[in-house]
Amino acid sequence: MHKLEFRRQILHLLYGFALLALYNWNYIDLKILFGMIIGGAITSIMVKKEHLSPIKKVLSIFEREHHLQKFPGRGILFFTIGATLTLLLFEKNIAYAGILILSIGDAVSNIVGRHFGKITTKLNPDKKIEGNLAGILLSVPFAYYFFPNIFAVFAAATVGMFLEIPSIRLFNFEIDDNLLIPIGAAFTLTLFT
């Protein structure tokens, strides 16, 4: 289980950096990102219906078993949706900072919380305070590169890592934190402009 989570978080980290690099260098744009979302959703449905077993085998390397059964590719799909909406709604540097808080903060909070965390949060007993603090501290320098206001970036990372904690449900569907974190962090940064 620990190796699976480590692989998941490394993918989370690398995907965020790759997505931003490709977007920044104009290899992908919003149209391609929307296409990736549609393609990812179709692939998820086909994998769930057992039509794409080779893709299911690849997903099983990175996907939690219950997600693989109910919603294959959920994490990467919601990461792409969250990043796309952030790029669509916010100025470029603010969006980049928000996406980096998602990519780094969420991955680090999971790894540190699982392996070193002792203090559980009141909102979600599966989340550890040490993980969220590490997520904040390690995402701040990267986000600061795009938004050089330390107070703003610290506030944005804190909001992002707070949104990582609770399990928020809407009509019995869990809203993925990959959707909430970049938007919440980017919105916080706009308050400082």
Protein backbone atom coordinates (compact mmCIF):
# COMPACT_ATOMS: atom_id res chain seq x y z
CA MET A 1 0.00 0.00 0.00
CA HIS A 2 2.80 2.44 0.84
CA LYS A 3 4.57 1.79 -2.48
CA LEU A 4 1.32 2.43 -4.36
CA GLU A 5 0.79 5.76 -2.56
CA PHE A 6 4.40 6.77 -3.18
CA ARG A 7 4.01 6.01 -6.92
CA ARG A 8 0.72 7.95 -7.00
CA GLN A 9 2.25 11.02 -5.40
CA ILE A 10 5.36 10.99 -7.61
CA LEU A 11 3.06 10.85 -10.65
CA HIS A 12 1.01 13.71 -9.14
CA LEU A 13 4.17 15.78 -8.73
CA LEU A 14 5.59 15.05 -12.18
CA TYR A 15 2.26 15.51 -13.96
CA GLY A 16 1.86 19.02 -12.54
CA PHE A 17 5.32 20.11 -13.66
CA ALA A 18 4.93 18.47 -17.09
CA LEU A 19 1.51 20.03 -17.67
CA LEU A 20 2.78 23.51 -16.77
CA ALA A 21 5.94 23.15 -18.87
CA LEU A 22 3.99 21.97 -21.93
CA TYR A 23 1.43 24.74 -21.49
CA ASN A 24 4.06 27.42 -20.93
CA TRP A 25 6.04 26.35 -24.01
CA ASN A 26 2.83 26.28 -26.10
CA TYR A 27 2.90 22.55 -26.79
CA ILE A 28 -0.60 22.35 -25.32
CA ASP A 29 -3.34 24.96 -24.91
CA LEU A 30 -6.82 25.11 -23.39
CA LYS A 31 -8.36 23.32 -26.39
CA ILE A 32 -5.96 20.41 -26.00
CA LEU A 33 -6.60 20.34 -22.23
CA PHE A 34 -10.36 20.17 -22.86
CA GLY A 35 -9.69 17.35 -25.32
CA MET A 36 -7.63 15.56 -22.68
CA ILE A 37 -10.52 15.88 -20.23
CA ILE A 38 -13.04 14.47 -22.72
CA GLY A 39 -10.65 11.70 -23.77
CA GLY A 40 -9.89 10.90 -20.13
CA ALA A 41 -13.59 10.70 -19.24
CA ILE A 42 -14.31 8.39 -22.19
CA THR A 43 -11.30 6.23 -21.32
CA SER A 44 -12.46 6.02 -17.69
CA ILE A 45 -15.91 4.81 -18.77
CA MET A 46 -14.44 2.24 -21.17
CA VAL A 47 -11.98 0.95 -18.55
CA LYS A 48 -14.81 0.61 -16.03
CA LYS A 49 -16.82 -1.41 -18.59
CA GLU A 50 -13.77 -3.67 -19.09
CA HIS A 51 -13.20 -2.60 -22.71
CA LEU A 52 -9.63 -1.39 -22.23
CA SER A 53 -7.89 -3.95 -20.03
CA PRO A 54 -4.32 -2.89 -21.07
CA ILE A 55 -5.06 0.63 -19.81
CA LYS A 56 -6.57 -0.82 -16.65
CA LYS A 57 -3.30 -2.68 -16.02
CA VAL A 58 -1.34 0.56 -16.36
CA LEU A 59 -3.80 2.41 -14.11
CA SER A 60 -3.50 -0.32 -11.46
CA ILE A 61 0.14 0.72 -10.98
CA PHE A 62 -0.96 4.17 -9.80
CA GLU A 63 -4.62 3.88 -8.82
CA ARG A 64 -6.24 2.97 -5.50
CA GLU A 65 -8.30 -0.21 -5.86
CA HIS A 66 -11.66 1.39 -4.97
CA HIS A 67 -11.08 4.17 -7.51
CA LEU A 68 -10.02 1.64 -10.13
CA GLN A 69 -13.36 -0.14 -9.68
CA LYS A 70 -15.65 2.90 -9.35
CA PHE A 71 -13.91 5.69 -11.29
CA PRO A 72 -10.70 4.64 -13.11
CA GLY A 73 -8.25 7.50 -13.64
CA ARG A 74 -10.14 9.75 -11.24
CA GLY A 75 -7.08 11.52 -9.79
CA ILE A 76 -5.41 12.45 -13.08
CA LEU A 77 -8.73 13.43 -14.66
CA PHE A 78 -9.65 15.77 -11.81
CA PHE A 79 -6.11 17.17 -11.76
CA THR A 80 -6.51 18.03 -15.44
CA ILE A 81 -9.97 19.55 -14.85
CA GLY A 82 -8.71 21.58 -11.87
CA ALA A 83 -5.65 22.82 -13.78
CA THR A 84 -7.71 23.68 -16.87
CA LEU A 85 -10.30 25.64 -14.90
CA THR A 86 -7.53 27.46 -13.04
CA LEU A 87 -5.81 28.42 -16.31
CA LEU A 88 -9.17 29.52 -17.73
CA LEU A 89 -10.29 31.60 -14.74
CA PHE A 90 -7.09 33.27 -13.56
CA GLU A 91 -4.16 35.29 -14.87
CA LYS A 92 -1.30 33.04 -16.03
CA ASN A 93 1.16 33.49 -13.14
CA ILE A 94 -1.60 33.15 -10.55
CA ALA A 95 -2.84 29.98 -12.27
CA TYR A 96 0.69 28.53 -12.43
CA ALA A 97 1.20 29.21 -8.71
CA GLY A 98 -2.15 27.57 -7.88
CA ILE A 99 -1.36 24.49 -9.96
CA LEU A 100 2.07 24.16 -8.31
CA ILE A 101 0.43 24.32 -4.88
CA LEU A 102 -1.76 21.43 -6.02
CA SER A 103 1.07 19.45 -7.57
CA ILE A 104 3.63 19.86 -4.80
CA GLY A 105 1.50 20.53 -1.74
CA ASP A 106 -0.97 17.70 -2.26
CA ALA A 107 1.75 15.14 -3.07
CA VAL A 108 3.99 16.16 -0.16
CA SER A 109 1.10 16.32 2.33
CA ASN A 110 0.12 12.76 1.44
CA ILE A 111 3.64 11.31 1.68
CA VAL A 112 4.63 13.14 4.88
CA GLY A 113 1.24 12.64 6.51
CA ARG A 114 1.20 8.89 5.82
CA HIS A 115 4.78 8.18 6.86
CA PHE A 116 5.54 10.76 9.55
CA GLY A 117 2.20 12.19 10.64
CA LYS A 118 0.94 11.70 14.17
CA ILE A 119 -1.65 14.44 14.70
CA THR A 120 -4.96 13.81 12.94
CA THR A 121 -7.17 16.65 11.77
CA LYS A 122 -10.64 17.19 13.20
CA LEU A 123 -12.19 17.42 9.73
CA ASN A 124 -10.79 14.12 8.47
CA PRO A 125 -9.10 11.50 10.68
CA ASP A 126 -7.23 10.14 7.63
CA LYS A 127 -5.33 13.43 7.22
CA LYS A 128 -2.37 14.45 9.37
CA ILE A 129 -1.42 18.00 10.38
CA GLU A 130 2.29 17.33 9.75
CA GLY A 131 1.50 16.41 6.14
CA ASN A 132 -0.45 19.59 5.53
CA LEU A 133 2.25 21.76 7.11
CA ALA A 134 4.90 20.09 4.93
CA GLY A 135 2.69 20.64 1.87
CA ILE A 136 2.43 24.33 2.68
CA LEU A 137 6.15 24.80 3.36
CA LEU A 138 7.37 22.96 0.27
CA SER A 139 4.88 24.48 -2.18
CA VAL A 140 5.52 28.09 -1.10
CA PRO A 141 8.95 28.54 -2.78
CA PHE A 142 7.68 27.18 -6.10
CA ALA A 143 4.52 29.28 -6.10
CA TYR A 144 6.56 32.32 -5.00
CA TYR A 145 8.53 32.08 -8.25
CA PHE A 146 5.34 33.02 -10.14
CA PHE A 147 3.78 35.29 -7.51
CA PRO A 148 6.54 37.04 -5.53
CA ASN A 149 4.54 38.00 -2.45
CA ILE A 150 5.45 35.70 0.43
CA PHE A 151 2.37 36.52 2.51
CA ALA A 152 0.02 35.95 -0.42
CA VAL A 153 1.68 32.68 -1.40
CA PHE A 154 1.71 31.42 2.19
CA ALA A 155 -2.00 32.27 2.49
CA ALA A 156 -2.76 30.55 -0.85
CA ALA A 157 -0.82 27.42 0.11
CA THR A 158 -2.61 27.34 3.47
CA VAL A 159 -6.02 27.61 1.78
CA GLY A 160 -5.01 24.94 -0.73
CA MET A 161 -3.86 22.53 1.96
CA PHE A 162 -6.97 23.24 4.03
CA LEU A 163 -9.10 22.25 1.00
CA GLU A 164 -7.10 19.01 0.86
CA ILE A 165 -8.34 17.94 4.31
CA PRO A 166 -12.13 17.48 4.29
CA SER A 167 -14.10 14.99 2.24
CA ILE A 168 -16.61 17.29 0.54
CA ARG A 169 -19.65 15.62 -1.02
CA LEU A 170 -22.19 17.07 -3.44
CA PHE A 171 -25.22 14.91 -4.28
CA ASN A 172 -23.42 11.91 -2.79
CA PHE A 173 -20.40 12.48 -5.07
CA GLU A 174 -17.06 13.24 -3.44
CA ILE A 175 -15.55 16.44 -4.86
CA ASP A 176 -11.92 15.62 -5.60
CA ASP A 177 -9.36 17.88 -3.91
CA ASN A 178 -7.46 18.07 -7.23
CA LEU A 179 -10.33 20.27 -8.40
CA LEU A 180 -10.58 22.41 -5.26
CA ILE A 181 -6.93 23.08 -4.38
CA PRO A 182 -5.71 25.01 -7.46
CA ILE A 183 -8.88 27.09 -7.73
CA GLY A 184 -8.90 27.90 -4.00
CA ALA A 185 -5.20 28.76 -4.01
CA ALA A 186 -5.44 30.90 -7.17
CA PHE A 187 -8.54 32.69 -5.86
CA THR A 188 -6.65 33.51 -2.66
CA LEU A 189 -3.78 34.97 -4.67
CA THR A 190 -6.18 37.23 -6.59
CA LEU A 191 -7.18 38.83 -3.28
CA PHE A 192 -3.61 40.18 -3.03
CA THR A 193 -3.55 41.78 -6.50
